[in-house]
Amino acid sequence: MNSIFLRIYGGMLGVLVLVALLGVLALHVLNQERGEQYRERLAHG
């Protein structure tokens, strides 16, 4: 009985951590891309 709850909460925690990591990675890539576009626009005027 106790192990079932531990397995469920452990799985939920794992999924939450995975989603958080994917979100941070997506934000980092998006921010890097926007930074490059911004620098290109500054260079070209």
PDB file of N, CA and C in Angstrom:
ATOM      1  N   MET A   1       0.833  -1.198   0.000  1.00  0.00           N
ATOM      2  CA  MET A   1       0.000   0.000   0.000  1.00  0.00           C
ATOM      3  C   MET A   1       0.876   1.260   0.000  1.00  0.00           C
ATOM      4  N   ASN A   2       1.854   1.296   0.885  1.00  0.00           N
ATOM      5  CA  ASN A   2       2.719   2.470   0.977  1.00  0.00           C
ATOM      6  C   ASN A   2       3.570   2.625  -0.276  1.00  0.00           C
ATOM      7  N   SER A   3       4.035   1.515  -0.835  1.00  0.00           N
ATOM      8  CA  SER A   3       4.899   1.594  -2.009  1.00  0.00           C
ATOM      9  C   SER A   3       4.140   2.100  -3.234  1.00  0.00           C
ATOM     10  N   ILE A   4       2.839   1.833  -3.302  1.00  0.00           N
ATOM     11  CA  ILE A   4       2.043   2.331  -4.431  1.00  0.00           C
ATOM     12  C   ILE A   4       2.016   3.861  -4.400  1.00  0.00           C
ATOM     13  N   PHE A   5       1.771   4.421  -3.214  1.00  0.00           N
ATOM     14  CA  PHE A   5       1.749   5.877  -3.096  1.00  0.00           C
ATOM     15  C   PHE A   5       3.123   6.466  -3.387  1.00  0.00           C
ATOM     16  N   LEU A   6       4.161   5.820  -2.888  1.00  0.00           N
ATOM     17  CA  LEU A   6       5.513   6.304  -3.164  1.00  0.00           C
ATOM     18  C   LEU A   6       5.813   6.268  -4.652  1.00  0.00           C
ATOM     19  N   ARG A   7       5.362   5.212  -5.319  1.00  0.00           N
ATOM     20  CA  ARG A   7       5.609   5.095  -6.758  1.00  0.00           C
ATOM     21  C   ARG A   7       4.858   6.183  -7.520  1.00  0.00           C
ATOM     22  N   ILE A   8       3.609   6.430  -7.129  1.00  0.00           N
ATOM     23  CA  ILE A   8       2.813   7.460  -7.809  1.00  0.00           C
ATOM     24  C   ILE A   8       3.431   8.840  -7.600  1.00  0.00           C
ATOM     25  N   TYR A   9       3.744   9.172  -6.331  1.00  0.00           N
ATOM     26  CA  TYR A   9       4.298  10.497  -6.060  1.00  0.00           C
ATOM     27  C   TYR A   9       5.704  10.645  -6.633  1.00  0.00           C
ATOM     28  N   GLY A  10       6.470   9.573  -6.630  1.00  0.00           N
ATOM     29  CA  GLY A  10       7.793   9.614  -7.246  1.00  0.00           C
ATOM     30  C   GLY A  10       7.700   9.855  -8.743  1.00  0.00           C
ATOM     31  N   GLY A  11       6.744   9.197  -9.386  1.00  0.00           N
ATOM     32  CA  GLY A  11       6.539   9.400 -10.818  1.00  0.00           C
ATOM     33  C   GLY A  11       6.087  10.811 -11.133  1.00  0.00           C
ATOM     34  N   MET A  12       5.163  11.318 -10.309  1.00  0.00           N
ATOM     35  CA  MET A  12       4.698  12.689 -10.519  1.00  0.00           C
ATOM     36  C   MET A  12       5.828  13.688 -10.326  1.00  0.00           C
ATOM     37  N   LEU A  13       6.659  13.460  -9.315  1.00  0.00           N
ATOM     38  CA  LEU A  13       7.794  14.345  -9.073  1.00  0.00           C
ATOM     39  C   LEU A  13       8.787  14.278 -10.228  1.00  0.00           C
ATOM     40  N   GLY A  14       9.026  13.075 -10.740  1.00  0.00           N
ATOM     41  CA  GLY A  14       9.928  12.916 -11.876  1.00  0.00           C
ATOM     42  C   GLY A  14       9.418  13.640 -13.110  1.00  0.00           C
ATOM     43  N   VAL A  15       8.118  13.512 -13.377  1.00  0.00           N
ATOM     44  CA  VAL A  15       7.525  14.197 -14.533  1.00  0.00           C
ATOM     45  C   VAL A  15       7.603  15.708 -14.349  1.00  0.00           C
ATOM     46  N   LEU A  16       7.355  16.171 -13.131  1.00  0.00           N
ATOM     47  CA  LEU A  16       7.414  17.605 -12.861  1.00  0.00           C
ATOM     48  C   LEU A  16       8.815  18.153 -13.092  1.00  0.00           C
ATOM     49  N   VAL A  17       9.825  17.430 -12.611  1.00  0.00           N
ATOM     50  CA  VAL A  17      11.210  17.855 -12.811  1.00  0.00           C
ATOM     51  C   VAL A  17      11.560  17.842 -14.297  1.00  0.00           C
ATOM     52  N   LEU A  18      11.105  16.811 -15.017  1.00  0.00           N
ATOM     53  CA  LEU A  18      11.379  16.714 -16.449  1.00  0.00           C
ATOM     54  C   LEU A  18      10.747  17.877 -17.212  1.00  0.00           C
ATOM     55  N   VAL A  19       9.495  18.193 -16.889  1.00  0.00           N
ATOM     56  CA  VAL A  19       8.807  19.303 -17.550  1.00  0.00           C
ATOM     57  C   VAL A  19       9.499  20.630 -17.237  1.00  0.00           C
ATOM     58  N   ALA A  20       9.934  20.798 -15.983  1.00  0.00           N
ATOM     59  CA  ALA A  20      10.631  22.031 -15.608  1.00  0.00           C
ATOM     60  C   ALA A  20      11.942  22.161 -16.377  1.00  0.00           C
ATOM     61  N   LEU A  21      12.698  21.065 -16.484  1.00  0.00           N
ATOM     62  CA  LEU A  21      13.961  21.109 -17.223  1.00  0.00           C
ATOM     63  C   LEU A  21      13.730  21.408 -18.698  1.00  0.00           C
ATOM     64  N   LEU A  22      12.714  20.785 -19.292  1.00  0.00           N
ATOM     65  CA  LEU A  22      12.414  21.051 -20.700  1.00  0.00           C
ATOM     66  C   LEU A  22      11.987  22.505 -20.903  1.00  0.00           C
ATOM     67  N   GLY A  23      11.219  23.047 -19.971  1.00  0.00           N
ATOM     68  CA  GLY A  23      10.806  24.442 -20.064  1.00  0.00           C
ATOM     69  C   GLY A  23      11.981  25.395 -19.985  1.00  0.00           C
ATOM     70  N   VAL A  24      12.899  25.135 -19.058  1.00  0.00           N
ATOM     71  CA  VAL A  24      14.088  25.983 -18.923  1.00  0.00           C
ATOM     72  C   VAL A  24      14.944  25.891 -20.177  1.00  0.00           C
ATOM     73  N   LEU A  25      15.096  24.684 -20.713  1.00  0.00           N
ATOM     74  CA  LEU A  25      15.886  24.505 -21.929  1.00  0.00           C
ATOM     75  C   LEU A  25      15.247  25.244 -23.107  1.00  0.00           C
ATOM     76  N   ALA A  26      13.922  25.145 -23.237  1.00  0.00           N
ATOM     77  CA  ALA A  26      13.229  25.834 -24.323  1.00  0.00           C
ATOM     78  C   ALA A  26      13.379  27.349 -24.189  1.00  0.00           C
ATOM     79  N   LEU A  27      13.241  27.862 -22.965  1.00  0.00           N
ATOM     80  CA  LEU A  27      13.413  29.297 -22.756  1.00  0.00           C
ATOM     81  C   LEU A  27      14.828  29.745 -23.086  1.00  0.00           C
ATOM     82  N   HIS A  28      15.813  28.944 -22.717  1.00  0.00           N
ATOM     83  CA  HIS A  28      17.209  29.286 -22.993  1.00  0.00           C
ATOM     84  C   HIS A  28      17.464  29.355 -24.498  1.00  0.00           C
ATOM     85  N   VAL A  29      16.976  28.354 -25.234  1.00  0.00           N
ATOM     86  CA  VAL A  29      17.174  28.324 -26.687  1.00  0.00           C
ATOM     87  C   VAL A  29      16.451  29.500 -27.337  1.00  0.00           C
ATOM     88  N   LEU A  30      15.219  29.765 -26.903  1.00  0.00           N
ATOM     89  CA  LEU A  30      14.440  30.866 -27.463  1.00  0.00           C
ATOM     90  C   LEU A  30      15.120  32.208 -27.194  1.00  0.00           C
ATOM     91  N   ASN A  31      15.610  32.390 -25.970  1.00  0.00           N
ATOM     92  CA  ASN A  31      16.275  33.639 -25.610  1.00  0.00           C
ATOM     93  C   ASN A  31      17.559  33.823 -26.405  1.00  0.00           C
ATOM     94  N   GLN A  32      18.299  32.744 -26.608  1.00  0.00           N
ATOM     95  CA  GLN A  32      19.534  32.822 -27.382  1.00  0.00           C
ATOM     96  C   GLN A  32      19.222  33.215 -28.829  1.00  0.00           C
ATOM     97  N   GLU A  33      18.179  32.628 -29.397  1.00  0.00           N
ATOM     98  CA  GLU A  33      17.785  32.938 -30.773  1.00  0.00           C
ATOM     99  C   GLU A  33      17.367  34.404 -30.892  1.00  0.00           C
ATOM    100  N   ARG A  34      16.582  34.890 -29.930  1.00  0.00           N
ATOM    101  CA  ARG A  34      16.152  36.287 -29.960  1.00  0.00           C
ATOM    102  C   ARG A  34      17.342  37.224 -29.805  1.00  0.00           C
ATOM    103  N   GLY A  35      18.311  36.853 -28.984  1.00  0.00           N
ATOM    104  CA  GLY A  35      19.506  37.668 -28.806  1.00  0.00           C
ATOM    105  C   GLY A  35      20.302  37.787 -30.084  1.00  0.00           C
ATOM    106  N   GLU A  36      20.417  36.693 -30.821  1.00  0.00           N
ATOM    107  CA  GLU A  36      21.138  36.729 -32.101  1.00  0.00           C
ATOM    108  C   GLU A  36      20.417  37.625 -33.103  1.00  0.00           C
ATOM    109  N   GLN A  37      19.097  37.511 -33.175  1.00  0.00           N
ATOM    110  CA  GLN A  37      18.342  38.362 -34.097  1.00  0.00           C
ATOM    111  C   GLN A  37      18.482  39.834 -33.716  1.00  0.00           C
ATOM    112  N   TYR A  38      18.458  40.110 -32.409  1.00  0.00           N
ATOM    113  CA  TYR A  38      18.604  41.489 -31.937  1.00  0.00           C
ATOM    114  C   TYR A  38      19.966  42.057 -32.324  1.00  0.00           C
ATOM    115  N   ARG A  39      21.014  41.272 -32.153  1.00  0.00           N
ATOM    116  CA  ARG A  39      22.360  41.741 -32.516  1.00  0.00           C
ATOM    117  C   ARG A  39      22.483  41.944 -34.026  1.00  0.00           C
ATOM    118  N   GLU A  40      21.843  41.082 -34.810  1.00  0.00           N
ATOM    119  CA  GLU A  40      21.876  41.261 -36.269  1.00  0.00           C
ATOM    120  C   GLU A  40      21.182  42.557 -36.664  1.00  0.00           C
ATOM    121  N   ARG A  41      20.031  42.846 -36.039  1.00  0.00           N
ATOM    122  CA  ARG A  41      19.323  44.082 -36.354  1.00  0.00           C
ATOM    123  C   ARG A  41      20.132  45.303 -35.934  1.00  0.00           C
ATOM    124  N   LEU A  42      20.824  45.211 -34.801  1.00  0.00           N
ATOM    125  CA  LEU A  42      21.676  46.328 -34.381  1.00  0.00           C
ATOM    126  C   LEU A  42      22.818  46.541 -35.366  1.00  0.00           C
ATOM    127  N   ALA A  43      23.406  45.466 -35.858  1.00  0.00           N
ATOM    128  CA  ALA A  43      24.546  45.575 -36.767  1.00  0.00           C
ATOM    129  C   ALA A  43      24.124  46.168 -38.110  1.00  0.00           C
ATOM    130  N   HIS A  44      22.924  45.811 -38.573  1.00  0.00           N
ATOM    131  CA  HIS A  44      22.467  46.297 -39.878  1.00  0.00           C
ATOM    132  C   HIS A  44      21.787  47.660 -39.785  1.00  0.00           C
ATOM    133  N   GLY A  45      21.458  48.075 -38.598  1.00  0.00           N
ATOM    134  CA  GLY A  45      20.853  49.389 -38.443  1.00  0.00           C
ATOM    135  C   GLY A  45      19.386  49.315 -38.366  1.00  0.00           C
TER     136      GLY A  45
END
